[in-house]
Amino acid sequence: MDSIKKFTNLNWFIWLKKVSILDGYVNITDPKQIMRELLYLKDDQIKDFIEQIFYAYRKTYSDPNKILKKYSFGTAHHRAIHLIERHEGLTVSDLLSKLKITKQSLNRVLRDLIKNKTILLKKGKIDSRQRQIFLNEKGKKLFEEIFLEQKKRIYSALKNSDSDSVIKFKNVLSKIINE
């Protein structure tokens, strides 16, 4: 009896879905409704999307590996350099928060960057207990070299996409990272 009830409930659900999808196609003036109906994502589709994000990340961050290896730097150094350039003068605690790594890991990365004469640490202007981080000239050149390598892949992808796709892609990425 329960299996018959479940079966009829499933058929009812499928019938409702079909009707609502048909309604969505008829009511073309509401694109959000159409998207809700068409983007009925299955787990396999979400898994494929996650895999694509992984491959995009891996490719984008593997491009500058040769440059980083010249300085004996790795991905953690690269991420720190990128954030320091994008947020000039950010504090050590802000960098720690953005990277979401342990203090020990960050200290190792910062020591390497200081030893390599890539960054400068200065006392905070407002609070002298805080340390602000800046790229020096060598750090700026390293960032630019890495950026130019990554820019090739990103620029090519964006150039070969229409403007609407680029805007929507950026919106989806923002929603993924909760901004």
Foldseek 3Di string as FASTA:
>chain_A
DVVVVVVVVVVVVVVVLVVQQVVCVVPVVDVVSNCVSVPPDDPVNVVVVVVVVVVLVCVLQVQCVVLQVVLPHDPVLLVLLVVCVVVPFDWPVVSCVVVVDDPVVSVVSVVSCVVSQQKDWAQDPVHRVITTIHGDPNNVVSNVVSCVRSCVVVVVVVVPDDPVVVVVVVVVVCVVVVD
